[in-house]
Amino acid sequence: VELTITNTLGQEVRKLSARTQSAGRQVALWQGEDERGQRVSAGIYFVQLRAGERVLQQKITVLR
Protein backbone atom coordinates (compact mmCIF):
# COMPACT_ATOMS: atom_id res chain seq x y z
CA VAL A 1 0.00 0.00 0.00
CA GLU A 2 1.30 3.43 -0.93
CA LEU A 3 -0.35 6.67 0.19
CA THR A 4 1.02 9.93 -1.21
CA ILE A 5 0.13 13.61 -1.34
CA THR A 6 0.87 15.44 -4.61
CA ASN A 7 0.42 19.02 -5.76
CA THR A 8 -1.45 20.11 -8.88
CA LEU A 9 1.75 19.75 -10.94
CA GLY A 10 1.94 16.06 -9.98
CA GLN A 11 4.98 16.56 -7.75
CA GLU A 12 5.10 14.42 -4.64
CA VAL A 13 4.73 16.53 -1.51
CA ARG A 14 4.62 13.80 1.14
CA LYS A 15 4.60 10.01 1.27
CA LEU A 16 2.47 8.91 4.21
CA SER A 17 2.79 5.17 3.76
CA ALA A 18 4.69 2.70 1.62
CA ARG A 19 4.42 -0.68 3.29
CA THR A 20 2.45 -3.88 3.46
CA GLN A 21 -0.67 -3.52 5.58
CA SER A 22 -3.26 -5.95 6.85
CA ALA A 23 -6.78 -5.89 5.43
CA GLY A 24 -9.32 -3.68 7.13
CA ARG A 25 -9.74 -0.05 8.06
CA GLN A 26 -6.56 1.99 8.41
CA VAL A 27 -6.04 5.61 9.47
CA ALA A 28 -3.47 8.05 8.12
CA LEU A 29 -3.06 11.60 9.36
CA TRP A 30 -1.47 14.41 7.34
CA GLN A 31 -0.68 17.63 9.18
CA GLY A 32 -0.21 19.69 5.99
CA GLU A 33 3.57 19.36 5.94
CA ASP A 34 5.99 18.29 3.22
CA GLU A 35 8.79 15.70 3.58
CA ARG A 36 11.03 18.28 5.32
CA GLY A 37 8.37 19.17 7.89
CA GLN A 38 7.60 22.56 6.30
CA ARG A 39 3.96 23.67 6.12
CA VAL A 40 2.58 23.51 2.58
CA SER A 41 0.88 26.50 0.98
CA ALA A 42 -2.88 26.85 0.85
CA GLY A 43 -4.27 25.28 -2.31
CA ILE A 44 -5.41 22.11 -3.98
CA TYR A 45 -3.63 18.79 -3.42
CA PHE A 46 -4.33 15.19 -4.33
CA VAL A 47 -4.28 12.16 -2.04
CA GLN A 48 -3.45 9.00 -3.97
CA LEU A 49 -3.83 5.48 -2.61
CA ARG A 50 -2.20 2.61 -4.50
CA ALA A 51 -2.94 -0.96 -3.45
CA GLY A 52 -1.74 -3.53 -5.94
CA GLU A 53 -3.33 -2.69 -9.30
CA ARG A 54 -5.93 -0.35 -7.77
CA VAL A 55 -5.40 3.41 -7.63
CA LEU A 56 -7.79 5.76 -5.85
CA GLN A 57 -7.36 9.54 -5.93
CA GLN A 58 -9.14 12.28 -3.98
CA LYS A 59 -8.78 16.04 -4.36
CA ILE A 60 -8.38 18.02 -1.14
CA THR A 61 -8.09 21.72 -0.34
CA VAL A 62 -5.68 23.11 2.24
CA LEU A 63 -6.86 26.34 3.86
CA ARG A 64 -4.60 28.53 5.95
PDB file of N, CA and C in Angstrom:
ATOM      1  N   VAL A   1       0.852  -1.171   0.000  1.00  0.00           N
ATOM      2  CA  VAL A   1       0.000   0.000   0.000  1.00  0.00           C
ATOM      3  C   VAL A   1       0.895   1.229   0.000  1.00  0.00           C
ATOM      4  N   GLU A   2       0.556   2.174  -0.865  1.00  0.00           N
ATOM      5  CA  GLU A   2       1.304   3.429  -0.927  1.00  0.00           C
ATOM      6  C   GLU A   2       0.301   4.584  -0.872  1.00  0.00           C
ATOM      7  N   LEU A   3       0.525   5.510   0.033  1.00  0.00           N
ATOM      8  CA  LEU A   3      -0.352   6.669   0.192  1.00  0.00           C
ATOM      9  C   LEU A   3       0.499   7.923   0.064  1.00  0.00           C
ATOM     10  N   THR A   4       0.215   8.743  -0.956  1.00  0.00           N
ATOM     11  CA  THR A   4       1.020   9.934  -1.211  1.00  0.00           C
ATOM     12  C   THR A   4       0.143  11.168  -1.388  1.00  0.00           C
ATOM     13  N   ILE A   5       0.747  12.310  -1.105  1.00  0.00           N
ATOM     14  CA  ILE A   5       0.130  13.615  -1.342  1.00  0.00           C
ATOM     15  C   ILE A   5       0.922  14.263  -2.471  1.00  0.00           C
ATOM     16  N   THR A   6       0.216  14.746  -3.505  1.00  0.00           N
ATOM     17  CA  THR A   6       0.875  15.437  -4.610  1.00  0.00           C
ATOM     18  C   THR A   6       0.232  16.806  -4.804  1.00  0.00           C
ATOM     19  N   ASN A   7       0.986  17.711  -5.441  1.00  0.00           N
ATOM     20  CA  ASN A   7       0.419  19.017  -5.757  1.00  0.00           C
ATOM     21  C   ASN A   7      -0.232  18.963  -7.140  1.00  0.00           C
ATOM     22  N   THR A   8      -0.745  20.088  -7.599  1.00  0.00           N
ATOM     23  CA  THR A   8      -1.453  20.112  -8.879  1.00  0.00           C
ATOM     24  C   THR A   8      -0.528  19.898 -10.067  1.00  0.00           C
ATOM     25  N   LEU A   9       0.776  20.021  -9.875  1.00  0.00           N
ATOM     26  CA  LEU A   9       1.746  19.751 -10.936  1.00  0.00           C
ATOM     27  C   LEU A   9       2.147  18.280 -10.981  1.00  0.00           C
ATOM     28  N   GLY A  10       1.613  17.480 -10.045  1.00  0.00           N
ATOM     29  CA  GLY A  10       1.936  16.065  -9.984  1.00  0.00           C
ATOM     30  C   GLY A  10       3.196  15.753  -9.199  1.00  0.00           C
ATOM     31  N   GLN A  11       3.767  16.761  -8.548  1.00  0.00           N
ATOM     32  CA  GLN A  11       4.983  16.561  -7.750  1.00  0.00           C
ATOM     33  C   GLN A  11       4.615  16.008  -6.379  1.00  0.00           C
ATOM     34  N   GLU A  12       5.361  15.014  -5.949  1.00  0.00           N
ATOM     35  CA  GLU A  12       5.104  14.417  -4.639  1.00  0.00           C
ATOM     36  C   GLU A  12       5.475  15.396  -3.542  1.00  0.00           C
ATOM     37  N   VAL A  13       4.529  15.625  -2.636  1.00  0.00           N
ATOM     38  CA  VAL A  13       4.729  16.526  -1.509  1.00  0.00           C
ATOM     39  C   VAL A  13       5.094  15.726  -0.265  1.00  0.00           C
ATOM     40  N   ARG A  14       4.394  14.617  -0.054  1.00  0.00           N
ATOM     41  CA  ARG A  14       4.621  13.799   1.138  1.00  0.00           C
ATOM     42  C   ARG A  14       4.190  12.371   0.886  1.00  0.00           C
ATOM     43  N   LYS A  15       4.980  11.416   1.310  1.00  0.00           N
ATOM     44  CA  LYS A  15       4.595  10.008   1.266  1.00  0.00           C
ATOM     45  C   LYS A  15       4.223   9.608   2.682  1.00  0.00           C
ATOM     46  N   LEU A  16       2.958   9.257   2.871  1.00  0.00           N
ATOM     47  CA  LEU A  16       2.470   8.911   4.205  1.00  0.00           C
ATOM     48  C   LEU A  16       2.660   7.441   4.535  1.00  0.00           C
ATOM     49  N   SER A  17       2.648   6.598   3.512  1.00  0.00           N
ATOM     50  CA  SER A  17       2.791   5.169   3.760  1.00  0.00           C
ATOM     51  C   SER A  17       3.316   4.487   2.513  1.00  0.00           C
ATOM     52  N   ALA A  18       4.188   3.536   2.709  1.00  0.00           N
ATOM     53  CA  ALA A  18       4.689   2.703   1.615  1.00  0.00           C
ATOM     54  C   ALA A  18       5.110   1.367   2.215  1.00  0.00           C
ATOM     55  N   ARG A  19       4.113   0.585   2.633  1.00  0.00           N
ATOM     56  CA  ARG A  19       4.419  -0.683   3.285  1.00  0.00           C
ATOM     57  C   ARG A  19       3.252  -1.646   3.132  1.00  0.00           C
ATOM     58  N   THR A  20       3.502  -2.869   3.461  1.00  0.00           N
ATOM     59  CA  THR A  20       2.451  -3.880   3.462  1.00  0.00           C
ATOM     60  C   THR A  20       1.576  -3.656   4.685  1.00  0.00           C
ATOM     61  N   GLN A  21       0.258  -3.705   4.474  1.00  0.00           N
ATOM     62  CA  GLN A  21      -0.671  -3.520   5.584  1.00  0.00           C
ATOM     63  C   GLN A  21      -1.704  -4.627   5.568  1.00  0.00           C
ATOM     64  N   SER A  22      -2.223  -4.925   6.752  1.00  0.00           N
ATOM     65  CA  SER A  22      -3.262  -5.946   6.847  1.00  0.00           C
ATOM     66  C   SER A  22      -4.574  -5.389   6.314  1.00  0.00           C
ATOM     67  N   ALA A  23      -5.462  -6.290   5.933  1.00  0.00           N
ATOM     68  CA  ALA A  23      -6.778  -5.894   5.432  1.00  0.00           C
ATOM     69  C   ALA A  23      -7.575  -5.219   6.544  1.00  0.00           C
ATOM     70  N   GLY A  24      -8.474  -4.352   6.161  1.00  0.00           N
ATOM     71  CA  GLY A  24      -9.324  -3.681   7.127  1.00  0.00           C
ATOM     72  C   GLY A  24      -9.106  -2.181   7.120  1.00  0.00           C
ATOM     73  N   ARG A  25      -9.791  -1.509   7.980  1.00  0.00           N
ATOM     74  CA  ARG A  25      -9.741  -0.051   8.061  1.00  0.00           C
ATOM     75  C   ARG A  25      -8.408   0.405   8.621  1.00  0.00           C
ATOM     76  N   GLN A  26      -7.819   1.388   7.967  1.00  0.00           N
ATOM     77  CA  GLN A  26      -6.561   1.985   8.406  1.00  0.00           C
ATOM     78  C   GLN A  26      -6.760   3.492   8.503  1.00  0.00           C
ATOM     79  N   VAL A  27      -5.961   4.155   9.308  1.00  0.00           N
ATOM     80  CA  VAL A  27      -6.044   5.605   9.471  1.00  0.00           C
ATOM     81  C   VAL A  27      -4.686   6.211   9.183  1.00  0.00           C
ATOM     82  N   ALA A  28      -4.689   7.289   8.384  1.00  0.00           N
ATOM     83  CA  ALA A  28      -3.468   8.046   8.119  1.00  0.00           C
ATOM     84  C   ALA A  28      -3.773   9.513   8.384  1.00  0.00           C
ATOM     85  N   LEU A  29      -2.864  10.204   9.019  1.00  0.00           N
ATOM     86  CA  LEU A  29      -3.057  11.605   9.365  1.00  0.00           C
ATOM     87  C   LEU A  29      -1.989  12.441   8.691  1.00  0.00           C
ATOM     88  N   TRP A  30      -2.405  13.475   7.976  1.00  0.00           N
ATOM     89  CA  TRP A  30      -1.469  14.408   7.340  1.00  0.00           C
ATOM     90  C   TRP A  30      -1.666  15.775   7.974  1.00  0.00           C
ATOM     91  N   GLN A  31      -0.619  16.342   8.493  1.00  0.00           N
ATOM     92  CA  GLN A  31      -0.684  17.629   9.179  1.00  0.00           C
ATOM     93  C   GLN A  31      -0.398  18.810   8.256  1.00  0.00           C
ATOM     94  N   GLY A  32      -0.446  18.601   6.932  1.00  0.00           N
ATOM     95  CA  GLY A  32      -0.213  19.694   5.988  1.00  0.00           C
ATOM     96  C   GLY A  32       1.243  20.083   5.861  1.00  0.00           C
ATOM     97  N   GLU A  33       2.132  19.106   6.036  1.00  0.00           N
ATOM     98  CA  GLU A  33       3.570  19.364   5.944  1.00  0.00           C
ATOM     99  C   GLU A  33       4.177  18.530   4.828  1.00  0.00           C
ATOM    100  N   ASP A  34       5.286  19.044   4.256  1.00  0.00           N
ATOM    101  CA  ASP A  34       5.992  18.292   3.222  1.00  0.00           C
ATOM    102  C   ASP A  34       6.982  17.329   3.872  1.00  0.00           C
ATOM    103  N   GLU A  35       7.823  16.696   3.067  1.00  0.00           N
ATOM    104  CA  GLU A  35       8.786  15.701   3.581  1.00  0.00           C
ATOM    105  C   GLU A  35       9.800  16.305   4.559  1.00  0.00           C
ATOM    106  N   ARG A  36      10.060  17.623   4.441  1.00  0.00           N
ATOM    107  CA  ARG A  36      11.034  18.283   5.321  1.00  0.00           C
ATOM    108  C   ARG A  36      10.395  18.839   6.588  1.00  0.00           C
ATOM    109  N   GLY A  37       9.063  18.671   6.715  1.00  0.00           N
ATOM    110  CA  GLY A  37       8.373  19.172   7.887  1.00  0.00           C
ATOM    111  C   GLY A  37       7.910  20.608   7.740  1.00  0.00           C
ATOM    112  N   GLN A  38       8.048  21.182   6.559  1.00  0.00           N
ATOM    113  CA  GLN A  38       7.605  22.558   6.297  1.00  0.00           C
ATOM    114  C   GLN A  38       6.121  22.564   5.948  1.00  0.00           C
ATOM    115  N   ARG A  39       5.384  23.552   6.434  1.00  0.00           N
ATOM    116  CA  ARG A  39       3.957  23.667   6.118  1.00  0.00           C
ATOM    117  C   ARG A  39       3.790  23.952   4.631  1.00  0.00           C
ATOM    118  N   VAL A  40       2.850  23.268   3.998  1.00  0.00           N
ATOM    119  CA  VAL A  40       2.576  23.508   2.585  1.00  0.00           C
ATOM    120  C   VAL A  40       1.696  24.739   2.443  1.00  0.00           C
ATOM    121  N   SER A  41       1.712  25.327   1.265  1.00  0.00           N
ATOM    122  CA  SER A  41       0.885  26.495   0.977  1.00  0.00           C
ATOM    123  C   SER A  41      -0.579  26.092   0.868  1.00  0.00           C
ATOM    124  N   ALA A  42      -1.450  27.071   1.075  1.00  0.00           N
ATOM    125  CA  ALA A  42      -2.877  26.846   0.846  1.00  0.00           C
ATOM    126  C   ALA A  42      -3.075  26.521  -0.625  1.00  0.00           C
ATOM    127  N   GLY A  43      -3.993  25.630  -0.919  1.00  0.00           N
ATOM    128  CA  GLY A  43      -4.270  25.279  -2.306  1.00  0.00           C
ATOM    129  C   GLY A  43      -4.840  23.887  -2.436  1.00  0.00           C
ATOM    130  N   ILE A  44      -4.849  23.424  -3.667  1.00  0.00           N
ATOM    131  CA  ILE A  44      -5.412  22.107  -3.977  1.00  0.00           C
ATOM    132  C   ILE A  44      -4.289  21.076  -4.032  1.00  0.00           C
ATOM    133  N   TYR A  45      -4.555  19.918  -3.424  1.00  0.00           N
ATOM    134  CA  TYR A  45      -3.627  18.792  -3.415  1.00  0.00           C
ATOM    135  C   TYR A  45      -4.415  17.528  -3.734  1.00  0.00           C
ATOM    136  N   PHE A  46      -3.696  16.466  -4.036  1.00  0.00           N
ATOM    137  CA  PHE A  46      -4.329  15.188  -4.327  1.00  0.00           C
ATOM    138  C   PHE A  46      -3.773  14.129  -3.394  1.00  0.00           C
ATOM    139  N   VAL A  47      -4.661  13.312  -2.853  1.00  0.00           N
ATOM    140  CA  VAL A  47      -4.281  12.158  -2.041  1.00  0.00           C
ATOM    141  C   VAL A  47      -4.454  10.944  -2.940  1.00  0.00           C
ATOM    142  N   GLN A  48      -3.392  10.167  -3.090  1.00  0.00           N
ATOM    143  CA  GLN A  48      -3.448   9.005  -3.974  1.00  0.00           C
ATOM    144  C   GLN A  48      -3.113   7.745  -3.174  1.00  0.00           C
ATOM    145  N   LEU A  49      -4.003   6.765  -3.275  1.00  0.00           N
ATOM    146  CA  LEU A  49      -3.832   5.476  -2.607  1.00  0.00           C
ATOM    147  C   LEU A  49      -3.623   4.412  -3.663  1.00  0.00           C
ATOM    148  N   ARG A  50      -2.500   3.714  -3.587  1.00  0.00           N
ATOM    149  CA  ARG A  50      -2.204   2.606  -4.497  1.00  0.00           C
ATOM    150  C   ARG A  50      -2.161   1.321  -3.670  1.00  0.00           C
ATOM    151  N   ALA A  51      -2.929   0.346  -4.107  1.00  0.00           N
ATOM    152  CA  ALA A  51      -2.944  -0.965  -3.454  1.00  0.00           C
ATOM    153  C   ALA A  51      -2.976  -2.002  -4.559  1.00  0.00           C
ATOM    154  N   GLY A  52      -1.837  -2.588  -4.835  1.00  0.00           N
ATOM    155  CA  GLY A  52      -1.744  -3.535  -5.945  1.00  0.00           C
ATOM    156  C   GLY A  52      -2.008  -2.816  -7.258  1.00  0.00           C
ATOM    157  N   GLU A  53      -2.970  -3.293  -8.013  1.00  0.00           N
ATOM    158  CA  GLU A  53      -3.327  -2.695  -9.297  1.00  0.00           C
ATOM    159  C   GLU A  53      -4.313  -1.533  -9.143  1.00  0.00           C
ATOM    160  N   ARG A  54      -4.907  -1.382  -7.979  1.00  0.00           N
ATOM    161  CA  ARG A  54      -5.928  -0.345  -7.769  1.00  0.00           C
ATOM    162  C   ARG A  54      -5.296   0.980  -7.384  1.00  0.00           C
ATOM    163  N   VAL A  55      -5.837   2.055  -7.962  1.00  0.00           N
ATOM    164  CA  VAL A  55      -5.397   3.410  -7.633  1.00  0.00           C
ATOM    165  C   VAL A  55      -6.642   4.249  -7.377  1.00  0.00           C
ATOM    166  N   LEU A  56      -6.697   4.866  -6.209  1.00  0.00           N
ATOM    167  CA  LEU A  56      -7.791   5.763  -5.853  1.00  0.00           C
ATOM    168  C   LEU A  56      -7.197   7.142  -5.605  1.00  0.00           C
ATOM    169  N   GLN A  57      -7.863   8.176  -6.117  1.00  0.00           N
ATOM    170  CA  GLN A  57      -7.356   9.536  -5.934  1.00  0.00           C
ATOM    171  C   GLN A  57      -8.486  10.447  -5.473  1.00  0.00           C
ATOM    172  N   GLN A  58      -8.160  11.343  -4.530  1.00  0.00           N
ATOM    173  CA  GLN A  58      -9.136  12.285  -3.984  1.00  0.00           C
ATOM    174  C   GLN A  58      -8.501  13.671  -3.962  1.00  0.00           C
ATOM    175  N   LYS A  59      -9.258  14.664  -4.393  1.00  0.00           N
ATOM    176  CA  LYS A  59      -8.782  16.036  -4.356  1.00  0.00           C
ATOM    177  C   LYS A  59      -9.116  16.627  -2.993  1.00  0.00           C
ATOM    178  N   ILE A  60      -8.156  17.358  -2.410  1.00  0.00           N
ATOM    179  CA  ILE A  60      -8.381  18.025  -1.136  1.00  0.00           C
ATOM    180  C   ILE A  60      -7.951  19.494  -1.254  1.00  0.00           C
ATOM    181  N   THR A  61      -8.454  20.319  -0.364  1.00  0.00           N
ATOM    182  CA  THR A  61      -8.088  21.719  -0.338  1.00  0.00           C
ATOM    183  C   THR A  61      -7.488  22.042   1.022  1.00  0.00           C
ATOM    184  N   VAL A  62      -6.323  22.664   1.008  1.00  0.00           N
ATOM    185  CA  VAL A  62      -5.677  23.106   2.241  1.00  0.00           C
ATOM    186  C   VAL A  62      -5.972  24.589   2.405  1.00  0.00           C
ATOM    187  N   LEU A  63      -6.557  24.936   3.534  1.00  0.00           N
ATOM    188  CA  LEU A  63      -6.863  26.340   3.858  1.00  0.00           C
ATOM    189  C   LEU A  63      -5.962  26.787   4.982  1.00  0.00           C
ATOM    190  N   ARG A  64      -5.438  27.966   4.878  1.00  0.00           N
ATOM    191  CA  ARG A  64      -4.596  28.529   5.949  1.00  0.00           C
ATOM    192  C   ARG A  64      -5.202  29.799   6.461  1.00  0.00           C
TER     193      ARG A  64
END
